[in-house]
Structure formats: structure tokens, C-alpha cells
Amino acid sequence: MKNKELIKLMQSEFDVGESLQNIFEKYKSEDIKTKKLAYFVGTLKDKALIKKHKIANNILIVLMGLFTILAALSGYAMGLEVTPNTPIYWVAVAIIPMIFLYGFIKHNYPTYVAYSMLIITQLPKSFHNVGGDIVPNIIGLLISLSTIIFVWYLKSKLFPYMGFLGPKKNADKQYFIFLN
């Protein structure tokens, strides 16, 4: 069975009320590595958690919508300086925030991690003009940090069994899904 089919099957079982631990135990006997299985089970979408944190996710979606508009406008401005074919630049610069926006709407775990990682890797660019006007640098840094913290907070609430890049383990090196 392919990974996507397996995840769909697990999600349908979880949606009808099967516990994460039972799903984990059921598929443990199949030829799937324990860490991979724990990842699949830990990233299942819990409708109760999604409903509980709907307002926070909607705030994130609005922010990503604003970032997308800002990226599209900056892409348009860059395109005007380079060539008259500005729609190409407009779309090229706006496509990345649109992909993240789609992932946040679909409550996709890798989207939350990828967005946080991308923003973290871009933080050093916040200091490119430190000797110049410091207020815009500080504002940009604060926006970036608050966005990272907010996305990470939401990720930890929607996917409580997932750590930084994989499923969480307890002190006995067992995945938390065992303890559900």
C-alpha cells in the first residue's frame, strides 16, 4: 500500500472514532518502520483540535493572505524595474505564500514546519542593513519572530504528538502515540 493511500485509510479510521493508539497498533504489524508509522499517525488531522483552534488558524490564514498580497505587489514592482513582462514576476513571487496559504487552510503538518524553517533561515537577512535605519530592521525582525512563534504554537496545538521534525518520544524512548 502506498503512503498516501495508507494515510487516507488511517484518517478515515480516525474520523470514525478509532483512537490513535489503536491505529498505530493495527498498522504496526505491517512492514512499516516504527518512526514512519508514528509520523503518519501523529500527523492525522484531529477535527476536535482543528475546531478548538479555528480562530487562531483563521488569523494565520488572514496573515498569509496579507503576505501573499504584499509579495504579489513587490513582485509586480520588481517586474516593472526589470521587464515589461511583469505578470511573470508577480506570479513567481506570490506563488510561495500561496502554497503556504493552501497548506494552512488544509491543516497540513509539513506546511507548518516548512514555513517555520523557511522564515528561520531568512532571519539573518533581517540584519543586512544594520548600520542604516534600524527601526525598519527591528520591525521586520519582530514581525518575523512573532510569525514563527505563532505558527509554531499553532502547530504544537494541532499536532500535539509531533516534535520539531518528527514524532515526540518520552523518556523511555517510546512514541507518545503509544500513550494516547
N, C-alpha and C. Protein backbone atom coordinates (compact mmCIF):
# COMPACT_ATOMS: atom_id res chain seq x y z
N MET A 1 0.85 -1.17 0.00
CA MET A 1 0.00 0.00 0.00
C MET A 1 0.90 1.24 0.00
N LYS A 2 0.55 2.20 -0.83
CA LYS A 2 1.33 3.43 -0.91
C LYS A 2 1.05 4.32 0.30
N ASN A 3 2.00 5.22 0.55
CA ASN A 3 1.89 6.08 1.73
C ASN A 3 0.62 6.92 1.73
N LYS A 4 0.28 7.53 0.59
CA LYS A 4 -0.91 8.39 0.54
C LYS A 4 -2.18 7.58 0.81
N GLU A 5 -2.24 6.38 0.25
CA GLU A 5 -3.41 5.53 0.49
C GLU A 5 -3.49 5.13 1.95
N LEU A 6 -2.34 4.81 2.53
CA LEU A 6 -2.30 4.41 3.94
C LEU A 6 -2.74 5.57 4.84
N ILE A 7 -2.27 6.76 4.55
CA ILE A 7 -2.66 7.93 5.36
C ILE A 7 -4.15 8.20 5.23
N LYS A 8 -4.70 8.08 4.01
CA LYS A 8 -6.14 8.28 3.82
C LYS A 8 -6.94 7.25 4.61
N LEU A 9 -6.47 6.00 4.58
CA LEU A 9 -7.16 4.95 5.32
C LEU A 9 -7.10 5.21 6.83
N MET A 10 -5.92 5.60 7.31
CA MET A 10 -5.78 5.92 8.74
C MET A 10 -6.66 7.10 9.12
N GLN A 11 -6.70 8.12 8.26
CA GLN A 11 -7.51 9.31 8.55
C GLN A 11 -8.99 8.94 8.61
N SER A 12 -9.44 8.08 7.70
CA SER A 12 -10.86 7.69 7.72
C SER A 12 -11.18 6.88 8.98
N GLU A 13 -10.25 6.03 9.41
CA GLU A 13 -10.46 5.28 10.65
C GLU A 13 -10.49 6.22 11.86
N PHE A 14 -9.61 7.21 11.86
CA PHE A 14 -9.57 8.17 12.97
C PHE A 14 -10.83 9.02 12.99
N ASP A 15 -11.33 9.38 11.82
CA ASP A 15 -12.53 10.21 11.74
C ASP A 15 -13.78 9.50 12.27
N VAL A 16 -13.81 8.15 12.18
CA VAL A 16 -14.98 7.42 12.69
C VAL A 16 -14.83 7.05 14.15
N GLY A 17 -13.75 7.49 14.80
CA GLY A 17 -13.64 7.32 16.24
C GLY A 17 -12.56 6.37 16.72
N GLU A 18 -11.79 5.78 15.85
CA GLU A 18 -10.70 4.90 16.26
C GLU A 18 -9.61 5.73 16.94
N SER A 19 -9.05 5.24 18.03
CA SER A 19 -8.01 6.00 18.73
C SER A 19 -6.69 5.91 17.98
N LEU A 20 -5.83 6.89 18.22
CA LEU A 20 -4.52 6.90 17.57
C LEU A 20 -3.71 5.68 17.97
N GLN A 21 -3.80 5.28 19.22
CA GLN A 21 -3.06 4.12 19.69
C GLN A 21 -3.52 2.85 18.97
N ASN A 22 -4.82 2.68 18.80
CA ASN A 22 -5.33 1.50 18.09
C ASN A 22 -4.90 1.50 16.63
N ILE A 23 -4.92 2.67 16.01
CA ILE A 23 -4.48 2.77 14.62
C ILE A 23 -3.00 2.42 14.53
N PHE A 24 -2.21 2.93 15.47
CA PHE A 24 -0.78 2.64 15.48
C PHE A 24 -0.54 1.14 15.64
N GLU A 25 -1.23 0.52 16.58
CA GLU A 25 -1.06 -0.92 16.83
C GLU A 25 -1.52 -1.75 15.63
N LYS A 26 -2.58 -1.31 14.98
CA LYS A 26 -3.12 -2.06 13.85
C LYS A 26 -2.12 -2.13 12.70
N TYR A 27 -1.47 -1.02 12.40
CA TYR A 27 -0.56 -0.97 11.25
C TYR A 27 0.88 -1.27 11.62
N LYS A 28 1.13 -1.47 12.90
CA LYS A 28 2.49 -1.78 13.34
C LYS A 28 2.95 -3.14 12.80
N SER A 29 2.01 -4.06 12.66
CA SER A 29 2.36 -5.40 12.17
C SER A 29 2.71 -5.40 10.68
N GLU A 30 2.25 -4.39 9.95
CA GLU A 30 2.61 -4.30 8.54
C GLU A 30 4.06 -3.85 8.43
N ASP A 31 4.63 -4.00 7.28
CA ASP A 31 6.07 -3.78 7.10
C ASP A 31 6.39 -2.28 6.97
N ILE A 32 6.11 -1.53 8.05
CA ILE A 32 6.37 -0.09 8.07
C ILE A 32 7.27 0.19 9.27
N LYS A 33 8.28 1.02 9.06
CA LYS A 33 9.16 1.38 10.17
C LYS A 33 8.36 2.11 11.24
N THR A 34 8.74 1.89 12.49
CA THR A 34 8.00 2.45 13.62
C THR A 34 7.98 3.98 13.58
N LYS A 35 9.12 4.59 13.25
CA LYS A 35 9.17 6.05 13.22
C LYS A 35 8.27 6.61 12.12
N LYS A 36 8.28 5.95 10.97
CA LYS A 36 7.44 6.40 9.85
C LYS A 36 5.96 6.25 10.21
N LEU A 37 5.62 5.14 10.83
CA LEU A 37 4.24 4.91 11.24
C LEU A 37 3.82 5.93 12.29
N ALA A 38 4.71 6.21 13.25
CA ALA A 38 4.41 7.22 14.27
C ALA A 38 4.22 8.59 13.63
N TYR A 39 5.01 8.89 12.60
CA TYR A 39 4.86 10.15 11.87
C TYR A 39 3.49 10.21 11.20
N PHE A 40 3.12 9.14 10.52
CA PHE A 40 1.82 9.12 9.83
C PHE A 40 0.68 9.30 10.83
N VAL A 41 0.73 8.58 11.93
CA VAL A 41 -0.35 8.65 12.92
C VAL A 41 -0.35 10.00 13.63
N GLY A 42 0.83 10.52 13.92
CA GLY A 42 0.93 11.80 14.62
C GLY A 42 0.47 12.99 13.80
N THR A 43 0.49 12.86 12.48
CA THR A 43 0.07 13.98 11.63
C THR A 43 -1.37 13.85 11.14
N LEU A 44 -2.11 12.90 11.68
CA LEU A 44 -3.52 12.81 11.32
C LEU A 44 -4.25 14.04 11.84
N LYS A 45 -5.21 14.51 11.08
CA LYS A 45 -5.94 15.73 11.44
C LYS A 45 -7.05 15.40 12.42
N ASP A 46 -6.99 16.00 13.58
CA ASP A 46 -7.99 15.81 14.62
C ASP A 46 -9.02 16.94 14.49
N LYS A 47 -10.23 16.57 14.10
CA LYS A 47 -11.27 17.58 13.88
C LYS A 47 -11.60 18.37 15.15
N ALA A 48 -11.49 17.75 16.30
CA ALA A 48 -11.76 18.46 17.56
C ALA A 48 -10.70 19.54 17.80
N LEU A 49 -9.43 19.22 17.55
CA LEU A 49 -8.37 20.21 17.73
C LEU A 49 -8.47 21.32 16.68
N ILE A 50 -8.83 20.94 15.47
CA ILE A 50 -9.00 21.94 14.41
C ILE A 50 -10.12 22.91 14.77
N LYS A 51 -11.22 22.36 15.28
CA LYS A 51 -12.34 23.21 15.68
C LYS A 51 -11.96 24.09 16.87
N LYS A 52 -11.22 23.53 17.82
CA LYS A 52 -10.82 24.27 19.02
C LYS A 52 -9.91 25.45 18.68
N HIS A 53 -9.04 25.28 17.70
CA HIS A 53 -8.06 26.31 17.34
C HIS A 53 -8.39 26.97 16.00
N LYS A 54 -9.67 26.98 15.66
CA LYS A 54 -10.11 27.54 14.38
C LYS A 54 -9.81 29.04 14.29
N ILE A 55 -10.02 29.78 15.35
CA ILE A 55 -9.79 31.23 15.32
C ILE A 55 -8.32 31.53 15.08
N ALA A 56 -7.44 30.82 15.78
CA ALA A 56 -6.00 31.04 15.59
C ALA A 56 -5.59 30.69 14.16
N ASN A 57 -6.13 29.60 13.63
CA ASN A 57 -5.78 29.23 12.26
C ASN A 57 -6.33 30.25 11.26
N ASN A 58 -7.52 30.77 11.52
CA ASN A 58 -8.07 31.80 10.64
C ASN A 58 -7.23 33.07 10.67
N ILE A 59 -6.72 33.43 11.85
CA ILE A 59 -5.81 34.58 11.94
C ILE A 59 -4.58 34.34 11.09
N LEU A 60 -4.03 33.12 11.18
CA LEU A 60 -2.86 32.77 10.37
C LEU A 60 -3.18 32.83 8.88
N ILE A 61 -4.35 32.38 8.50
CA ILE A 61 -4.75 32.42 7.08
C ILE A 61 -4.87 33.87 6.60
N VAL A 62 -5.44 34.74 7.42
CA VAL A 62 -5.54 36.16 7.05
C VAL A 62 -4.15 36.77 6.91
N LEU A 63 -3.26 36.46 7.87
CA LEU A 63 -1.88 36.97 7.77
C LEU A 63 -1.20 36.47 6.50
N MET A 64 -1.38 35.21 6.18
CA MET A 64 -0.77 34.67 4.96
C MET A 64 -1.39 35.31 3.72
N GLY A 65 -2.68 35.62 3.78
CA GLY A 65 -3.31 36.33 2.67
C GLY A 65 -2.69 37.71 2.48
N LEU A 66 -2.46 38.40 3.59
CA LEU A 66 -1.80 39.71 3.51
C LEU A 66 -0.37 39.58 3.00
N PHE A 67 0.36 38.57 3.47
CA PHE A 67 1.72 38.34 2.98
C PHE A 67 1.72 38.03 1.49
N THR A 68 0.70 37.29 1.03
CA THR A 68 0.60 36.96 -0.39
C THR A 68 0.37 38.22 -1.22
N ILE A 69 -0.53 39.07 -0.75
CA ILE A 69 -0.78 40.32 -1.47
C ILE A 69 0.46 41.19 -1.49
N LEU A 70 1.14 41.29 -0.36
CA LEU A 70 2.37 42.06 -0.28
C LEU A 70 3.44 41.49 -1.22
N ALA A 71 3.56 40.16 -1.25
CA ALA A 71 4.54 39.53 -2.13
C ALA A 71 4.18 39.77 -3.60
N ALA A 72 2.89 39.71 -3.92
CA ALA A 72 2.48 39.95 -5.31
C ALA A 72 2.79 41.39 -5.73
N LEU A 73 2.51 42.33 -4.84
CA LEU A 73 2.79 43.73 -5.17
C LEU A 73 4.29 43.99 -5.29
N SER A 74 5.08 43.39 -4.40
CA SER A 74 6.54 43.57 -4.52
C SER A 74 7.06 42.87 -5.77
N GLY A 75 6.48 41.74 -6.12
CA GLY A 75 6.87 41.07 -7.37
C GLY A 75 6.51 41.92 -8.58
N TYR A 76 5.37 42.58 -8.52
CA TYR A 76 4.97 43.48 -9.60
C TYR A 76 5.95 44.65 -9.71
N ALA A 77 6.33 45.21 -8.56
CA ALA A 77 7.28 46.33 -8.57
C ALA A 77 8.64 45.90 -9.10
N MET A 78 9.09 44.71 -8.70
CA MET A 78 10.37 44.21 -9.22
C MET A 78 10.29 43.98 -10.72
N GLY A 79 9.15 43.47 -11.15
CA GLY A 79 8.98 43.20 -12.57
C GLY A 79 8.98 44.46 -13.41
N LEU A 80 8.42 45.55 -12.88
CA LEU A 80 8.41 46.82 -13.61
C LEU A 80 9.83 47.34 -13.83
N GLU A 81 10.71 47.09 -12.87
CA GLU A 81 12.08 47.56 -13.00
C GLU A 81 12.88 46.73 -14.00
N VAL A 82 12.52 45.48 -14.17
CA VAL A 82 13.32 44.57 -14.99
C VAL A 82 12.82 44.49 -16.42
N THR A 83 11.54 44.22 -16.59
CA THR A 83 11.00 43.97 -17.92
C THR A 83 9.51 44.31 -17.96
N PRO A 84 8.98 44.51 -19.14
CA PRO A 84 7.54 44.77 -19.22
C PRO A 84 6.68 43.52 -18.96
N ASN A 85 7.29 42.34 -18.88
CA ASN A 85 6.54 41.11 -18.62
C ASN A 85 6.33 40.92 -17.12
N THR A 86 5.72 41.90 -16.48
CA THR A 86 5.58 41.88 -15.02
C THR A 86 4.69 40.76 -14.48
N PRO A 87 3.68 40.28 -15.18
CA PRO A 87 2.88 39.20 -14.58
C PRO A 87 3.70 37.96 -14.22
N ILE A 88 4.77 37.71 -14.96
CA ILE A 88 5.62 36.56 -14.65
C ILE A 88 6.25 36.74 -13.28
N TYR A 89 6.80 37.91 -12.99
CA TYR A 89 7.41 38.17 -11.69
C TYR A 89 6.37 38.21 -10.59
N TRP A 90 5.24 38.79 -10.91
CA TRP A 90 4.16 38.89 -9.96
C TRP A 90 3.76 37.50 -9.46
N VAL A 91 3.51 36.61 -10.39
CA VAL A 91 3.11 35.25 -10.05
C VAL A 91 4.25 34.49 -9.37
N ALA A 92 5.46 34.64 -9.88
CA ALA A 92 6.61 33.91 -9.32
C ALA A 92 6.85 34.25 -7.86
N VAL A 93 6.72 35.51 -7.51
CA VAL A 93 6.97 35.92 -6.13
C VAL A 93 5.78 35.59 -5.23
N ALA A 94 4.58 35.60 -5.77
CA ALA A 94 3.39 35.36 -4.96
C ALA A 94 3.07 33.88 -4.79
N ILE A 95 3.66 33.01 -5.60
CA ILE A 95 3.29 31.60 -5.56
C ILE A 95 3.70 30.92 -4.24
N ILE A 96 4.84 31.30 -3.67
CA ILE A 96 5.30 30.66 -2.43
C ILE A 96 4.35 30.93 -1.27
N PRO A 97 3.97 32.19 -1.00
CA PRO A 97 3.00 32.39 0.08
C PRO A 97 1.64 31.75 -0.21
N MET A 98 1.28 31.64 -1.49
CA MET A 98 0.01 31.00 -1.83
C MET A 98 0.05 29.50 -1.51
N ILE A 99 1.20 28.87 -1.72
CA ILE A 99 1.35 27.45 -1.37
C ILE A 99 1.22 27.27 0.14
N PHE A 100 1.87 28.15 0.89
CA PHE A 100 1.74 28.07 2.35
C PHE A 100 0.31 28.35 2.79
N LEU A 101 -0.34 29.30 2.17
CA LEU A 101 -1.73 29.61 2.49
C LEU A 101 -2.61 28.38 2.28
N TYR A 102 -2.42 27.69 1.17
CA TYR A 102 -3.18 26.47 0.89
C TYR A 102 -2.91 25.40 1.96
N GLY A 103 -1.64 25.25 2.34
CA GLY A 103 -1.29 24.26 3.36
C GLY A 103 -1.90 24.57 4.71
N PHE A 104 -1.96 25.86 5.07
CA PHE A 104 -2.58 26.24 6.35
C PHE A 104 -4.09 26.02 6.31
N ILE A 105 -4.69 26.26 5.16
CA ILE A 105 -6.13 26.01 5.03
C ILE A 105 -6.44 24.52 5.18
N LYS A 106 -5.58 23.68 4.62
CA LYS A 106 -5.77 22.22 4.67
C LYS A 106 -5.24 21.58 5.96
N HIS A 107 -4.66 22.36 6.85
CA HIS A 107 -4.09 21.87 8.12
C HIS A 107 -3.05 20.78 7.85
N ASN A 108 -2.11 21.10 7.00
CA ASN A 108 -1.07 20.15 6.59
C ASN A 108 0.16 20.33 7.47
N TYR A 109 0.53 19.30 8.23
CA TYR A 109 1.65 19.40 9.18
C TYR A 109 2.95 19.86 8.52
N PRO A 110 3.37 19.28 7.39
CA PRO A 110 4.64 19.74 6.81
C PRO A 110 4.64 21.22 6.44
N THR A 111 3.49 21.79 6.18
CA THR A 111 3.42 23.22 5.85
C THR A 111 3.85 24.07 7.05
N TYR A 112 3.38 23.73 8.22
CA TYR A 112 3.74 24.48 9.43
C TYR A 112 5.25 24.41 9.68
N VAL A 113 5.83 23.21 9.51
CA VAL A 113 7.27 23.03 9.73
C VAL A 113 8.07 23.75 8.65
N ALA A 114 7.67 23.58 7.39
CA ALA A 114 8.42 24.20 6.28
C ALA A 114 8.38 25.72 6.38
N TYR A 115 7.23 26.28 6.74
CA TYR A 115 7.13 27.73 6.87
C TYR A 115 8.06 28.23 7.97
N SER A 116 8.03 27.56 9.11
CA SER A 116 8.90 27.97 10.22
C SER A 116 10.37 27.87 9.82
N MET A 117 10.74 26.79 9.17
CA MET A 117 12.14 26.61 8.75
C MET A 117 12.54 27.68 7.74
N LEU A 118 11.67 27.98 6.79
CA LEU A 118 11.98 28.99 5.78
C LEU A 118 12.17 30.36 6.42
N ILE A 119 11.31 30.73 7.32
CA ILE A 119 11.43 32.03 7.97
C ILE A 119 12.68 32.08 8.85
N ILE A 120 12.97 30.98 9.55
CA ILE A 120 14.18 30.95 10.39
C ILE A 120 15.43 31.13 9.53
N THR A 121 15.47 30.49 8.37
CA THR A 121 16.66 30.63 7.51
C THR A 121 16.77 32.03 6.92
N GLN A 122 15.67 32.76 6.85
CA GLN A 122 15.69 34.10 6.29
C GLN A 122 15.96 35.18 7.35
N LEU A 123 15.97 34.81 8.62
CA LEU A 123 16.20 35.80 9.69
C LEU A 123 17.52 36.55 9.56
N PRO A 124 18.63 35.90 9.20
CA PRO A 124 19.88 36.67 9.07
C PRO A 124 19.80 37.81 8.05
N LYS A 125 18.93 37.68 7.06
CA LYS A 125 18.77 38.75 6.08
C LYS A 125 18.13 39.99 6.69
N SER A 126 17.53 39.83 7.88
CA SER A 126 16.93 40.98 8.56
C SER A 126 17.99 41.98 9.00
N PHE A 127 19.23 41.51 9.10
CA PHE A 127 20.31 42.36 9.58
C PHE A 127 21.22 42.84 8.46
N HIS A 128 20.77 42.79 7.22
CA HIS A 128 21.63 43.17 6.09
C HIS A 128 21.98 44.65 6.08
N ASN A 129 21.16 45.48 6.69
CA ASN A 129 21.40 46.92 6.66
C ASN A 129 21.40 47.46 8.09
N VAL A 130 22.17 46.81 8.96
CA VAL A 130 22.15 47.18 10.38
C VAL A 130 22.67 48.59 10.60
N GLY A 131 23.64 49.01 9.82
CA GLY A 131 24.21 50.35 10.01
C GLY A 131 23.28 51.45 9.55
N GLY A 132 22.28 51.12 8.75
CA GLY A 132 21.35 52.12 8.23
C GLY A 132 20.24 52.41 9.22
N ASP A 133 19.06 52.50 8.70
CA ASP A 133 17.89 52.81 9.52
C ASP A 133 17.50 51.57 10.33
N ILE A 134 17.58 51.67 11.63
CA ILE A 134 17.41 50.49 12.49
C ILE A 134 15.94 50.18 12.77
N VAL A 135 15.06 51.15 12.71
CA VAL A 135 13.65 50.93 13.03
C VAL A 135 13.00 49.92 12.07
N PRO A 136 13.15 50.05 10.75
CA PRO A 136 12.55 49.04 9.87
C PRO A 136 13.13 47.64 10.09
N ASN A 137 14.43 47.57 10.42
CA ASN A 137 15.04 46.27 10.70
C ASN A 137 14.41 45.62 11.93
N ILE A 138 14.21 46.41 12.97
CA ILE A 138 13.62 45.88 14.20
C ILE A 138 12.17 45.47 13.96
N ILE A 139 11.43 46.28 13.22
CA ILE A 139 10.03 45.95 12.92
C ILE A 139 9.96 44.66 12.11
N GLY A 140 10.80 44.54 11.09
CA GLY A 140 10.82 43.32 10.28
C GLY A 140 11.19 42.10 11.10
N LEU A 141 12.17 42.26 11.97
CA LEU A 141 12.59 41.15 12.83
C LEU A 141 11.47 40.75 13.79
N LEU A 142 10.79 41.72 14.37
CA LEU A 142 9.69 41.42 15.29
C LEU A 142 8.53 40.73 14.57
N ILE A 143 8.23 41.17 13.36
CA ILE A 143 7.17 40.52 12.57
C ILE A 143 7.56 39.08 12.27
N SER A 144 8.81 38.87 11.85
CA SER A 144 9.27 37.51 11.54
C SER A 144 9.23 36.61 12.77
N LEU A 145 9.76 37.10 13.88
CA LEU A 145 9.78 36.29 15.11
C LEU A 145 8.37 35.99 15.61
N SER A 146 7.50 36.98 15.58
CA SER A 146 6.13 36.73 16.06
C SER A 146 5.40 35.76 15.14
N THR A 147 5.67 35.82 13.85
CA THR A 147 5.05 34.88 12.93
C THR A 147 5.55 33.46 13.18
N ILE A 148 6.85 33.31 13.38
CA ILE A 148 7.41 31.98 13.67
C ILE A 148 6.80 31.42 14.95
N ILE A 149 6.76 32.23 15.98
CA ILE A 149 6.22 31.78 17.27
C ILE A 149 4.75 31.40 17.13
N PHE A 150 3.99 32.20 16.41
CA PHE A 150 2.56 31.92 16.23
C PHE A 150 2.34 30.64 15.44
N VAL A 151 3.08 30.46 14.35
CA VAL A 151 2.95 29.24 13.53
C VAL A 151 3.35 28.02 14.35
N TRP A 152 4.44 28.14 15.10
CA TRP A 152 4.90 27.01 15.90
C TRP A 152 3.92 26.68 17.02
N TYR A 153 3.34 27.69 17.63
CA TYR A 153 2.32 27.48 18.66
C TYR A 153 1.13 26.73 18.07
N LEU A 154 0.67 27.17 16.93
CA LEU A 154 -0.48 26.54 16.29
C LEU A 154 -0.16 25.11 15.88
N LYS A 155 1.05 24.87 15.38
CA LYS A 155 1.48 23.52 15.01
C LYS A 155 1.47 22.61 16.22
N SER A 156 1.95 23.11 17.34
CA SER A 156 2.00 22.27 18.54
C SER A 156 0.60 21.99 19.09
N LYS A 157 -0.33 22.87 18.84
CA LYS A 157 -1.70 22.64 19.30
C LYS A 157 -2.47 21.70 18.37
N LEU A 158 -2.26 21.82 17.07
CA LEU A 158 -2.97 20.98 16.11
C LEU A 158 -2.37 19.58 16.01
N PHE A 159 -1.07 19.46 16.24
CA PHE A 159 -0.38 18.18 16.13
C PHE A 159 0.43 17.94 17.41
N PRO A 160 -0.23 17.60 18.51
CA PRO A 160 0.45 17.52 19.81
C PRO A 160 1.46 16.38 19.93
N TYR A 161 1.40 15.40 19.06
CA TYR A 161 2.32 14.26 19.15
C TYR A 161 3.56 14.45 18.28
N MET A 162 3.67 15.60 17.64
CA MET A 162 4.80 15.84 16.75
C MET A 162 5.73 16.87 17.38
N GLY A 163 7.03 16.58 17.27
CA GLY A 163 8.04 17.49 17.78
C GLY A 163 8.54 18.41 16.69
N PHE A 164 9.83 18.75 16.76
CA PHE A 164 10.40 19.70 15.79
C PHE A 164 10.36 19.15 14.37
N LEU A 165 10.90 17.97 14.17
CA LEU A 165 10.91 17.38 12.82
C LEU A 165 10.38 15.95 12.79
N GLY A 166 9.82 15.49 13.87
CA GLY A 166 9.32 14.12 13.89
C GLY A 166 8.45 13.87 15.10
N PRO A 167 8.01 12.62 15.25
CA PRO A 167 7.15 12.30 16.39
C PRO A 167 7.88 12.42 17.72
N LYS A 168 7.17 12.86 18.74
CA LYS A 168 7.76 13.03 20.07
C LYS A 168 7.93 11.66 20.74
N LYS A 169 8.97 11.58 21.58
CA LYS A 169 9.22 10.38 22.38
C LYS A 169 9.23 10.78 23.85
N ASN A 170 8.92 9.81 24.71
CA ASN A 170 9.02 10.05 26.14
C ASN A 170 10.40 9.61 26.63
N ALA A 171 10.63 9.60 27.94
CA ALA A 171 11.94 9.25 28.50
C ALA A 171 12.30 7.79 28.23
N ASP A 172 11.30 6.94 28.04
CA ASP A 172 11.56 5.52 27.76
C ASP A 172 11.76 5.26 26.27
N LYS A 173 11.90 6.30 25.48
CA LYS A 173 12.11 6.22 24.03
C LYS A 173 10.91 5.59 23.30
N GLN A 174 9.73 5.71 23.89
CA GLN A 174 8.52 5.28 23.23
C GLN A 174 7.83 6.50 22.64
N TYR A 175 7.22 6.32 21.48
CA TYR A 175 6.49 7.42 20.88
C TYR A 175 5.26 7.72 21.71
N PHE A 176 4.93 9.00 21.84
CA PHE A 176 3.80 9.42 22.66
C PHE A 176 2.48 8.83 22.17
N ILE A 177 2.44 8.42 20.93
CA ILE A 177 1.20 7.85 20.39
C ILE A 177 0.86 6.56 21.13
N PHE A 178 1.90 5.85 21.61
CA PHE A 178 1.66 4.66 22.41
C PHE A 178 0.85 4.99 23.66
N LEU A 179 1.04 6.19 24.16
CA LEU A 179 0.47 6.58 25.45
C LEU A 179 -0.89 7.24 25.32
N ASN A 180 -1.40 7.34 24.12
CA ASN A 180 -2.67 8.03 23.88
C ASN A 180 -3.82 7.32 24.58
